[in-house]
N, C-alpha and C. Protein backbone atom coordinates (compact mmCIF):
# COMPACT_ATOMS: atom_id res chain seq x y z
N UNK A 1 16.20 -3.64 -10.98
CA UNK A 1 15.59 -2.25 -10.78
C UNK A 1 15.37 -1.95 -9.31
N UNK A 2 15.27 -0.70 -9.09
CA UNK A 2 14.99 -0.32 -7.61
C UNK A 2 13.66 -0.56 -7.36
N UNK A 3 13.31 -0.74 -6.03
CA UNK A 3 11.94 -0.96 -5.51
C UNK A 3 11.14 0.22 -5.73
N UNK A 4 11.59 1.39 -5.73
CA UNK A 4 10.82 2.62 -5.81
C UNK A 4 10.39 2.71 -7.37
N UNK A 5 11.12 2.37 -8.27
CA UNK A 5 10.79 2.35 -9.77
C UNK A 5 9.75 1.21 -9.94
N UNK A 6 9.93 0.04 -9.31
CA UNK A 6 8.97 -1.04 -9.59
C UNK A 6 7.64 -0.64 -8.89
N UNK A 7 7.66 0.00 -7.91
CA UNK A 7 6.28 0.31 -7.16
C UNK A 7 5.62 1.33 -7.92
N UNK A 8 6.38 2.28 -8.41
CA UNK A 8 5.70 3.38 -9.17
C UNK A 8 5.09 2.83 -10.53
N UNK A 9 5.88 1.81 -11.10
CA UNK A 9 5.42 1.22 -12.42
C UNK A 9 4.15 0.44 -12.08
N UNK A 10 4.08 -0.27 -11.03
CA UNK A 10 2.85 -1.06 -10.70
C UNK A 10 1.63 -0.11 -10.35
N UNK A 11 2.02 0.89 -9.69
CA UNK A 11 0.87 1.83 -9.37
C UNK A 11 0.25 2.54 -10.56
N UNK A 12 1.23 2.87 -11.58
CA UNK A 12 0.76 3.43 -12.74
C UNK A 12 -0.23 2.42 -13.70
N UNK A 13 0.34 1.25 -13.63
CA UNK A 13 -0.39 0.10 -14.27
C UNK A 13 -1.75 -0.02 -13.74
N UNK A 14 -1.83 -0.04 -12.43
CA UNK A 14 -3.15 -0.22 -11.70
C UNK A 14 -4.12 0.90 -12.11
N UNK A 15 -3.50 2.12 -12.01
CA UNK A 15 -4.34 3.32 -12.40
C UNK A 15 -4.82 3.38 -13.85
N UNK A 16 -3.81 3.01 -14.71
CA UNK A 16 -4.27 2.93 -16.12
C UNK A 16 -5.27 1.74 -16.42
N UNK A 17 -5.10 0.69 -15.77
CA UNK A 17 -6.04 -0.43 -15.87
C UNK A 17 -7.46 -0.09 -15.33
N UNK A 18 -7.46 0.61 -14.29
CA UNK A 18 -8.71 1.03 -13.65
C UNK A 18 -9.39 2.04 -14.65
N UNK A 19 -8.61 3.07 -15.10
CA UNK A 19 -9.07 3.96 -16.05
C UNK A 19 -9.80 3.35 -17.30
N UNK A 20 -8.97 2.48 -17.79
CA UNK A 20 -9.55 1.79 -18.95
C UNK A 20 -10.82 0.94 -18.66
N UNK A 21 -10.85 0.25 -17.66
CA UNK A 21 -12.16 -0.49 -17.18
C UNK A 21 -13.17 0.43 -17.04
N UNK A 22 -13.01 1.54 -16.46
CA UNK A 22 -14.14 2.46 -16.05
C UNK A 22 -14.57 3.11 -17.32
N UNK A 23 -13.70 3.48 -18.32
CA UNK A 23 -14.12 4.04 -19.61
C UNK A 23 -14.85 3.04 -20.57
N UNK A 24 -14.53 1.75 -20.38
CA UNK A 24 -15.18 0.78 -21.19
C UNK A 24 -16.50 0.33 -20.46
N UNK A 25 -16.76 0.59 -19.32
CA UNK A 25 -17.95 0.14 -18.53
C UNK A 25 -19.01 1.04 -18.82
N UNK A 26 -20.13 0.67 -19.23
CA UNK A 26 -21.27 1.48 -19.50
C UNK A 26 -22.03 1.72 -18.29
N UNK A 27 -22.10 3.04 -17.77
CA UNK A 27 -22.76 3.31 -16.66
C UNK A 27 -24.26 3.84 -16.78
N UNK A 28 -24.58 4.01 -17.92
CA UNK A 28 -26.00 4.44 -18.09
C UNK A 28 -25.98 5.40 -19.20
N UNK A 29 -27.27 5.74 -19.70
CA UNK A 29 -27.23 6.64 -20.91
C UNK A 29 -26.93 8.07 -20.59
N UNK A 30 -27.00 8.49 -19.31
CA UNK A 30 -26.77 9.84 -19.03
C UNK A 30 -25.48 10.23 -18.48
N UNK A 31 -24.63 9.22 -18.42
CA UNK A 31 -23.25 9.41 -17.95
C UNK A 31 -22.42 9.98 -18.94
N UNK A 32 -21.77 10.98 -18.58
CA UNK A 32 -20.86 11.86 -19.66
C UNK A 32 -19.42 11.34 -19.42
N UNK A 33 -18.63 11.59 -20.43
CA UNK A 33 -17.18 11.25 -20.16
C UNK A 33 -16.45 12.04 -18.99
N UNK A 34 -16.93 13.33 -18.73
CA UNK A 34 -16.48 13.99 -17.62
C UNK A 34 -16.83 13.25 -16.33
N UNK A 35 -17.99 12.75 -16.06
CA UNK A 35 -18.41 12.09 -14.86
C UNK A 35 -17.49 10.80 -14.81
N UNK A 36 -17.19 10.09 -15.92
CA UNK A 36 -16.28 8.91 -15.89
C UNK A 36 -14.92 9.27 -15.39
N UNK A 37 -14.45 10.45 -15.96
CA UNK A 37 -13.06 10.94 -15.53
C UNK A 37 -13.08 11.28 -14.05
N UNK A 38 -14.13 11.79 -13.60
CA UNK A 38 -14.29 12.09 -12.06
C UNK A 38 -14.25 10.79 -11.26
N UNK A 39 -14.91 9.73 -11.81
CA UNK A 39 -14.81 8.48 -11.01
C UNK A 39 -13.46 7.92 -11.08
N UNK A 40 -12.79 8.02 -12.18
CA UNK A 40 -11.32 7.49 -12.43
C UNK A 40 -10.43 8.28 -11.47
N UNK A 41 -10.56 9.64 -11.37
CA UNK A 41 -9.68 10.33 -10.67
C UNK A 41 -9.82 9.97 -9.17
N UNK A 42 -10.91 9.95 -8.72
CA UNK A 42 -11.00 9.62 -7.21
C UNK A 42 -10.85 8.16 -6.97
N UNK A 43 -11.11 7.22 -7.88
CA UNK A 43 -10.77 5.94 -7.74
C UNK A 43 -9.21 5.72 -7.60
N UNK A 44 -8.51 6.46 -8.56
CA UNK A 44 -7.12 6.43 -8.47
C UNK A 44 -6.46 6.74 -7.16
N UNK A 45 -7.05 7.94 -6.57
CA UNK A 45 -6.65 8.55 -5.27
C UNK A 45 -6.88 7.34 -4.23
N UNK A 46 -8.03 6.75 -4.22
CA UNK A 46 -8.29 5.81 -3.20
C UNK A 46 -7.34 4.52 -3.37
N UNK A 47 -7.08 4.06 -4.62
CA UNK A 47 -6.15 2.93 -4.76
C UNK A 47 -4.76 3.27 -4.39
N UNK A 48 -4.27 4.44 -4.70
CA UNK A 48 -2.94 4.82 -4.49
C UNK A 48 -2.67 5.16 -3.01
N UNK A 49 -3.69 5.53 -2.32
CA UNK A 49 -3.63 5.79 -0.90
C UNK A 49 -3.68 4.38 -0.14
N UNK A 50 -4.35 3.34 -0.68
CA UNK A 50 -4.34 2.11 0.02
C UNK A 50 -3.14 1.28 -0.05
N UNK A 51 -2.28 1.47 -1.04
CA UNK A 51 -0.95 0.91 -1.13
C UNK A 51 -0.04 1.11 -0.04
N UNK A 52 0.25 2.42 0.31
CA UNK A 52 1.14 2.74 1.53
C UNK A 52 0.51 2.26 2.80
N UNK A 53 -0.83 2.38 2.92
CA UNK A 53 -1.51 2.00 4.07
C UNK A 53 -1.30 0.40 4.35
N UNK A 54 -1.35 -0.37 3.38
CA UNK A 54 -1.22 -1.78 3.51
C UNK A 54 0.26 -2.05 3.87
N UNK A 55 1.25 -1.33 3.23
CA UNK A 55 2.59 -1.61 3.56
C UNK A 55 2.75 -1.17 5.01
N UNK A 56 2.29 -0.04 5.48
CA UNK A 56 2.47 0.39 6.96
C UNK A 56 1.80 -0.70 7.82
N UNK A 57 0.60 -1.07 7.51
CA UNK A 57 0.00 -2.13 8.39
C UNK A 57 0.73 -3.35 8.38
N UNK A 58 1.33 -3.83 7.30
CA UNK A 58 2.22 -5.05 7.29
C UNK A 58 3.51 -4.76 8.26
N UNK A 59 4.18 -3.63 8.17
CA UNK A 59 5.11 -3.27 9.12
C UNK A 59 4.81 -3.35 10.51
N UNK A 60 3.53 -2.80 10.79
CA UNK A 60 3.01 -2.69 12.18
C UNK A 60 2.83 -4.27 12.65
N UNK A 61 2.33 -5.13 11.86
CA UNK A 61 1.99 -6.51 12.26
C UNK A 61 3.25 -7.22 12.56
N UNK A 62 4.34 -6.85 11.59
CA UNK A 62 5.52 -7.66 11.74
C UNK A 62 6.31 -7.21 12.96
N UNK A 63 6.18 -5.91 13.44
CA UNK A 63 6.81 -5.36 14.61
C UNK A 63 6.11 -5.87 15.70
N UNK A 64 4.87 -6.04 15.71
CA UNK A 64 4.12 -6.66 16.96
C UNK A 64 4.43 -8.00 17.09
N UNK A 65 4.57 -8.75 16.01
CA UNK A 65 4.80 -10.26 16.07
C UNK A 65 6.30 -10.51 16.45
N UNK A 66 7.18 -9.78 15.88
CA UNK A 66 8.68 -10.08 16.05
C UNK A 66 9.40 -9.20 16.77
N UNK A 67 8.82 -7.96 17.19
CA UNK A 67 9.58 -6.95 17.91
C UNK A 67 9.75 -7.39 19.45
N UNK A 68 8.67 -7.96 20.01
CA UNK A 68 8.73 -8.26 21.32
C UNK A 68 10.00 -9.39 21.57
N UNK A 69 10.09 -10.25 20.58
CA UNK A 69 11.27 -11.21 20.76
C UNK A 69 12.49 -10.67 20.63
N UNK A 70 12.69 -9.60 19.71
CA UNK A 70 13.96 -9.01 19.72
C UNK A 70 14.28 -8.27 20.91
N UNK A 71 13.25 -7.63 21.56
CA UNK A 71 13.40 -6.84 22.83
C UNK A 71 13.87 -7.79 23.90
N UNK A 72 13.20 -8.99 23.99
CA UNK A 72 13.45 -9.94 25.08
C UNK A 72 14.99 -10.42 24.82
N UNK A 73 15.44 -10.59 23.57
CA UNK A 73 16.79 -11.05 23.45
C UNK A 73 17.88 -10.07 23.84
N UNK A 74 17.53 -8.78 23.56
CA UNK A 74 18.45 -7.74 23.92
C UNK A 74 18.53 -7.51 25.46
N UNK A 75 17.36 -7.72 26.22
CA UNK A 75 17.33 -7.75 27.56
C UNK A 75 18.13 -8.82 28.24
N UNK A 76 17.88 -9.94 27.72
CA UNK A 76 18.68 -11.24 28.18
C UNK A 76 20.12 -10.99 27.99
N UNK A 77 20.50 -10.42 26.87
CA UNK A 77 21.93 -10.24 26.60
C UNK A 77 22.57 -9.22 27.56
N UNK A 78 21.83 -8.24 27.75
CA UNK A 78 22.33 -7.16 28.79
C UNK A 78 22.47 -7.68 30.24
N UNK A 79 21.48 -8.48 30.59
CA UNK A 79 21.59 -9.15 31.88
C UNK A 79 22.68 -10.10 32.05
N UNK A 80 22.90 -10.85 31.11
CA UNK A 80 23.95 -11.73 31.06
C UNK A 80 25.47 -11.05 31.16
N UNK A 81 25.56 -9.98 30.36
CA UNK A 81 26.75 -9.20 30.36
C UNK A 81 26.94 -8.46 31.63
N UNK A 82 25.91 -8.02 32.29
CA UNK A 82 25.91 -7.27 33.44
C UNK A 82 26.43 -8.06 34.59
N UNK A 83 25.81 -9.47 34.61
CA UNK A 83 26.19 -10.29 35.83
C UNK A 83 27.52 -11.03 35.77
N UNK A 84 28.21 -10.86 34.46
CA UNK A 84 29.56 -11.41 34.39
C UNK A 84 30.66 -10.42 34.55
């Protein structure tokens, strides 16, 4: 399967699981189903915005950790080819 399909399936499973958990959770006697849907909706927005943020953060950390080494290798190769 393509990564995009897998990621969308995982995101929808997380959203459905969160919705099920909140609907089953008793929040008090005066909590209406509409209030629970409100919490589900904004909870899903927050969760689905955290996934791309974490992916971006991982890419930034990877680039900081390994990007300097790649730049140094390219500079060394260009110096050795220029001197020969």
